[in-house]
Protein backbone atom coordinates (compact mmCIF):
# COMPACT_ATOMS: atom_id res chain seq x y z
CA MET A 1 -71.96 120.10 7.40
CA ASN A 2 -75.59 121.31 8.81
CA GLY A 3 -77.11 118.41 6.81
CA GLN A 4 -74.66 116.05 8.54
CA LYS A 5 -75.56 117.50 11.44
CA LEU A 6 -79.38 117.07 11.23
CA ILE A 7 -78.58 113.41 10.51
CA ILE A 8 -76.70 113.07 13.61
CA THR A 9 -79.92 115.10 15.46
CA THR A 10 -82.29 112.55 14.07
CA LEU A 11 -79.97 109.69 14.98
CA ILE A 12 -80.33 110.63 18.60
CA ILE A 13 -83.80 111.20 18.76
CA PHE A 14 -84.44 107.86 17.60
CA PHE A 15 -83.03 106.42 20.12
CA VAL A 16 -84.66 108.32 23.01
CA TRP A 17 -87.80 107.37 24.42
CA ALA A 18 -88.63 110.63 26.48
CA ILE A 19 -86.29 113.37 25.52
CA PRO A 20 -86.43 115.84 28.46
CA GLN A 21 -87.92 119.44 27.69
CA LYS A 22 -84.58 121.30 28.55
CA SER A 23 -83.06 119.48 25.54
CA ILE A 24 -79.99 121.15 24.16
CA LEU A 25 -79.39 118.52 21.40
CA CYS A 26 -79.54 120.55 18.22
CA ALA A 27 -76.81 123.02 18.91
CA ASP A 28 -74.70 124.89 21.42
CA ILE A 29 -76.91 127.11 23.55
CA PRO A 30 -76.50 130.93 22.40
CA THR A 31 -76.18 133.37 25.30
CA LYS A 32 -78.23 136.25 25.51
CA LEU A 33 -75.09 138.44 25.66
CA ASN A 34 -76.61 141.58 24.34
CA ALA A 35 -78.29 143.85 26.23
CA SER A 36 -82.29 144.68 25.47
CA SER A 37 -82.90 147.26 22.87
CA SER A 38 -85.58 148.37 24.81
CA GLN A 39 -85.03 151.80 26.71
CA ASP A 40 -86.95 150.93 29.57
CA PHE A 41 -84.03 148.09 29.93
CA LYS A 42 -82.47 149.01 33.55
CA ALA A 43 -79.16 147.55 34.85
CA ASP A 44 -80.81 145.90 37.57
CA ASN A 45 -82.30 143.46 35.00
CA TYR A 46 -79.08 142.01 34.03
CA ALA A 47 -78.12 138.67 35.30
CA SER A 48 -75.11 138.50 37.62
CA TYR A 49 -72.08 136.69 36.41
CA GLU A 50 -70.97 136.26 40.16
CA SER A 51 -74.38 134.46 40.77
CA LEU A 52 -73.95 132.42 37.61
CA LEU A 53 -70.25 131.57 38.61
CA ASN A 54 -71.07 130.66 42.08
CA THR A 55 -74.10 128.37 40.86
CA TYR A 56 -71.58 126.64 38.55
CA HIS A 57 -68.72 126.15 41.28
CA SER A 58 -71.67 124.70 43.79
CA ILE A 59 -72.52 122.15 41.76
CA ASN A 60 -71.30 118.64 43.06
CA LYS A 61 -68.51 116.87 41.57
CA PRO A 62 -68.42 115.01 39.52
CA LYS A 63 -71.07 117.55 37.94
CA SER A 64 -74.16 115.56 36.38
CA SER A 65 -75.22 116.27 33.01
CA SER A 66 -78.48 117.32 34.04
CA ALA A 67 -77.48 120.03 36.34
CA LEU A 68 -74.87 121.53 33.48
CA ALA A 69 -77.29 121.37 31.02
CA ASP A 70 -79.97 123.36 33.39
CA LEU A 71 -76.96 125.65 33.64
CA LEU A 72 -76.77 126.39 30.05
CA ASN A 73 -80.18 126.73 30.11
CA THR A 74 -80.29 129.28 32.54
CA ILE A 75 -77.67 130.89 30.64
CA SER A 76 -79.78 131.21 27.59
CA LEU A 77 -82.56 132.67 29.18
CA SER A 78 -80.57 135.33 30.77
CA THR A 79 -79.29 138.65 29.63
CA TYR A 80 -75.91 139.83 30.85
CA SER A 81 -74.17 143.49 30.98
CA ALA A 82 -71.34 144.51 28.25
CA GLU A 83 -68.67 143.88 30.57
CA ASP A 84 -70.02 140.39 31.97
CA GLN A 85 -70.18 138.95 28.18
CA LYS A 86 -66.85 137.80 27.48
CA LYS A 87 -66.63 136.42 31.02
CA VAL A 88 -70.00 134.56 30.76
CA ALA A 89 -68.95 133.09 27.23
CA ASN A 90 -65.98 131.66 28.59
CA ILE A 91 -67.78 129.79 31.11
CA GLU A 92 -70.36 128.64 29.03
CA SER A 93 -67.59 127.31 26.51
CA GLU A 94 -66.00 125.51 29.77
CA ILE A 95 -69.68 124.40 30.36
CA ILE A 96 -70.39 123.22 27.11
CA TYR A 97 -66.89 120.96 26.82
CA GLU A 98 -67.59 119.63 30.38
CA LEU A 99 -70.93 118.64 29.38
CA ARG A 100 -70.13 116.66 26.31
CA LYS A 101 -67.58 114.85 28.46
CA GLN A 102 -70.25 114.19 31.14
CA VAL A 103 -72.76 112.85 28.69
CA ARG A 104 -70.33 110.65 27.19
CA SER A 105 -69.50 109.51 30.45
CA GLU A 106 -72.99 108.78 31.85
CA VAL A 107 -73.96 107.68 28.86
CA ALA A 108 -71.07 104.69 28.43
CA ASP A 109 -71.85 103.92 32.08
CA MET A 110 -75.67 103.16 31.28
CA GLN A 111 -74.94 101.29 28.21
CA ASP A 112 -72.63 99.02 29.94
CA LYS A 113 -75.35 98.27 32.50
CA ALA A 114 -77.72 97.63 30.16
CA LEU A 115 -75.59 94.68 28.63
CA LYS A 116 -75.00 93.22 31.98
CA SER A 117 -78.67 93.44 33.22
CA LYS A 118 -80.50 90.22 34.51
CA ASN A 119 -83.73 90.61 32.07
CA TYR A 120 -84.50 92.58 29.00
CA ARG A 121 -86.84 95.01 31.03
CA GLU A 122 -84.16 96.08 32.99
CA GLY A 123 -81.96 96.63 29.82
CA ILE A 124 -84.25 98.70 28.22
CA GLY A 125 -84.74 100.67 31.22
CA PHE A 126 -81.10 101.28 31.29
CA LEU A 127 -80.98 101.92 27.44
CA ARG A 128 -83.76 104.40 27.71
CA ASP A 129 -81.80 106.68 30.59
CA ALA A 130 -78.90 106.60 28.57
CA GLY A 131 -80.84 108.04 25.52
CA ASN A 132 -82.25 110.42 27.62
CA VAL A 133 -78.62 111.92 28.59
CA LEU A 134 -77.72 111.54 25.12
CA ALA A 135 -80.26 114.16 24.05
CA LEU A 136 -78.40 116.61 26.16
CA TYR A 137 -75.24 116.55 24.19
CA PRO A 138 -74.48 119.78 22.62
CA MET A 139 -74.20 119.77 19.06
CA SER A 140 -72.03 121.99 16.68
CA ASP A 141 -70.48 121.58 13.18
CA ASP A 142 -67.00 120.63 14.77
CA LYS A 143 -66.21 117.34 13.14
CA ALA A 144 -65.07 115.62 16.26
CA VAL A 145 -68.42 116.64 17.92
CA VAL A 146 -69.94 115.26 15.19
CA ASN A 147 -68.05 111.81 15.21
CA GLU A 148 -68.62 111.46 18.64
CA ALA A 149 -72.41 111.95 18.60
CA THR A 150 -72.79 109.47 15.65
CA TYR A 151 -70.41 106.94 17.87
CA LEU A 152 -72.86 107.40 20.77
CA SER A 153 -76.29 107.08 19.06
CA SER A 154 -75.06 103.98 16.73
CA ARG A 155 -73.97 102.61 19.94
CA GLN A 156 -77.62 102.58 21.19
CA SER A 157 -78.67 100.84 18.12
CA GLU A 158 -76.15 98.33 18.71
CA ILE A 159 -76.71 97.80 22.31
CA LEU A 160 -80.41 97.38 21.32
CA THR A 161 -80.20 94.61 18.84
CA ARG A 162 -77.71 92.55 21.68
CA LEU A 163 -80.57 93.04 24.41
CA GLU A 164 -82.86 91.53 21.83
CA LEU A 165 -80.19 88.48 21.11
CA ILE A 166 -79.45 88.02 24.83
CA ARG A 167 -83.21 87.81 25.54
CA ARG A 168 -83.82 84.85 23.04
CA GLN A 169 -80.55 83.31 24.42
CA ARG A 170 -82.07 83.33 27.91
CA TYR A 171 -85.38 82.20 26.77
CA ASN A 172 -83.81 78.79 24.75
CA TYR A 173 -81.47 78.24 27.66
CA TRP A 174 -84.51 78.11 29.89
CA ALA A 175 -86.24 76.03 27.52
CA ALA A 176 -84.00 73.49 26.99
CA THR A 177 -83.51 73.48 30.97
CA GLN A 178 -87.40 72.31 31.05
CA ILE A 179 -86.93 69.60 28.05
CA GLN A 180 -83.71 68.38 29.99
CA LEU A 181 -85.97 67.90 33.24
CA ALA A 182 -88.82 66.52 31.26
CA LEU A 183 -86.56 64.06 29.57
CA LYS A 184 -84.74 62.90 32.94
CA ILE A 185 -88.56 62.16 34.32
CA PHE A 186 -89.76 60.47 31.38
CA ARG A 187 -86.32 57.89 31.32
CA GLU A 188 -86.34 57.33 34.84
CA GLN A 189 -90.53 56.56 35.26
CA LYS A 190 -91.33 56.00 31.45
CA LYS A 191 -94.91 55.75 31.10
CA GLU A 192 -96.01 56.60 34.43
CA GLY A 193 -93.63 59.80 34.11
CA VAL A 194 -95.34 61.08 30.91
CA GLN A 195 -98.07 63.37 32.56
CA LYS A 196 -95.41 64.89 34.84
CA ALA A 197 -92.79 65.45 31.80
CA ILE A 198 -95.63 67.20 29.94
CA LYS A 199 -95.72 69.66 32.64
CA TYR A 200 -92.21 70.79 31.82
CA ILE A 201 -92.49 70.85 28.27
CA ARG A 202 -96.58 72.34 27.72
CA THR A 203 -95.53 75.94 28.83
CA ILE A 204 -92.91 76.09 26.12
CA GLU A 205 -93.51 78.29 23.02
CA PRO A 206 -92.24 76.77 19.89
CA SER A 207 -91.78 79.56 17.94
CA LEU A 208 -89.43 81.16 19.99
CA LEU A 209 -87.07 78.06 19.89
CA GLU A 210 -83.66 78.20 18.15
CA ILE A 211 -82.91 75.17 15.40
CA SER A 212 -81.09 73.07 18.08
CA VAL A 213 -83.36 73.45 21.08
CA SER A 214 -86.34 72.96 18.46
CA ASN A 215 -85.01 69.81 17.52
CA LEU A 216 -84.63 68.82 21.26
CA TYR A 217 -88.18 69.82 21.88
CA SER A 218 -89.48 67.33 18.96
CA TYR A 219 -87.86 64.89 19.85
CA THR A 220 -88.97 65.16 23.65
CA ILE A 221 -92.52 64.85 22.29
CA GLU A 222 -91.94 62.10 19.96
CA GLN A 223 -90.40 59.89 22.92
CA LEU A 224 -93.65 60.46 24.93
CA VAL A 225 -95.65 59.70 21.91
CA ASP A 226 -94.14 56.69 21.07
CA GLU A 227 -95.38 55.25 24.75
CA PHE A 228 -98.89 54.97 23.69
CA LYS A 229 -100.49 53.30 20.97
CA LYS A 230 -103.27 54.29 18.54
CA ASP A 231 -105.56 56.84 19.43
CA GLU A 232 -103.77 57.22 22.64
CA LYS A 233 -100.87 59.05 20.76
CA ALA A 234 -103.12 62.13 20.05
CA ASN A 235 -103.44 62.77 24.03
CA ILE A 236 -99.90 63.65 24.26
CA THR A 237 -100.20 66.21 21.14
CA LYS A 238 -103.51 67.69 23.07
CA ALA A 239 -101.77 67.93 26.43
CA VAL A 240 -98.98 69.85 25.03
CA THR A 241 -100.98 71.95 22.66
CA ASN A 242 -104.13 72.85 25.19
CA PRO A 243 -105.19 76.38 24.73
CA SER A 244 -105.90 76.62 28.42
CA ILE A 245 -102.63 76.41 29.16
CA GLN A 246 -100.67 79.67 28.86
CA ARG A 247 -97.32 79.30 27.46
CA VAL A 248 -94.38 81.35 28.68
CA GLY A 249 -93.19 84.12 26.14
CA LEU A 250 -90.21 86.59 26.32
CA GLU A 251 -91.58 88.98 29.07
CA ASN A 252 -89.45 87.64 31.35
CA PHE A 253 -86.29 87.35 29.73
């Protein structure tokens, strides 16, 4: 089970671009319930259970994953009296349960926003945020916890692949529209409209086109070239491949 837990931990880290410093990814945070062995340790040095409880109840609902994670971190760095140990352990378990639930909710929401984003850059931003929240998921050897962590991290990978595909689809849709406009101008103005038509297609990067769009791109260039004779045909090819013209890449899609 420890090996499986390590794999899940590695999966989650892989899909997180910037893991917060106070990550509780690897295990349920242990509470410092045992008193210090030092003889100089005084009762005044114990953390207050009442203060912990007040802090927990003061967190606005719904309690954010970051706020819950910070509270767990506080517990792990604190030492409680013997009479408070059991109460602190109970509230710690409650926070861990609530944190898993909140992480699941926040990650699902961000992943959904990533898929509905207007472009790849925005989508990746949401997916990165989802990864940061996922890093707060408290792991344990419980099979249900491991399965849920596996699903959430796998979902990250699936959405990343989907964003790449959507990005390509957006680009090809744009390119097809550019080619359509070029053909319209050419058919309306024939030879006189060739230069105007070229302006619509010369910014397209052919290597990014799907087969159907690529065929349409080639067809359009052939139509333009056929309007000229002999050496003049090369002028069309040179205009389309002019290195001074910056082609549009995937950046804005």
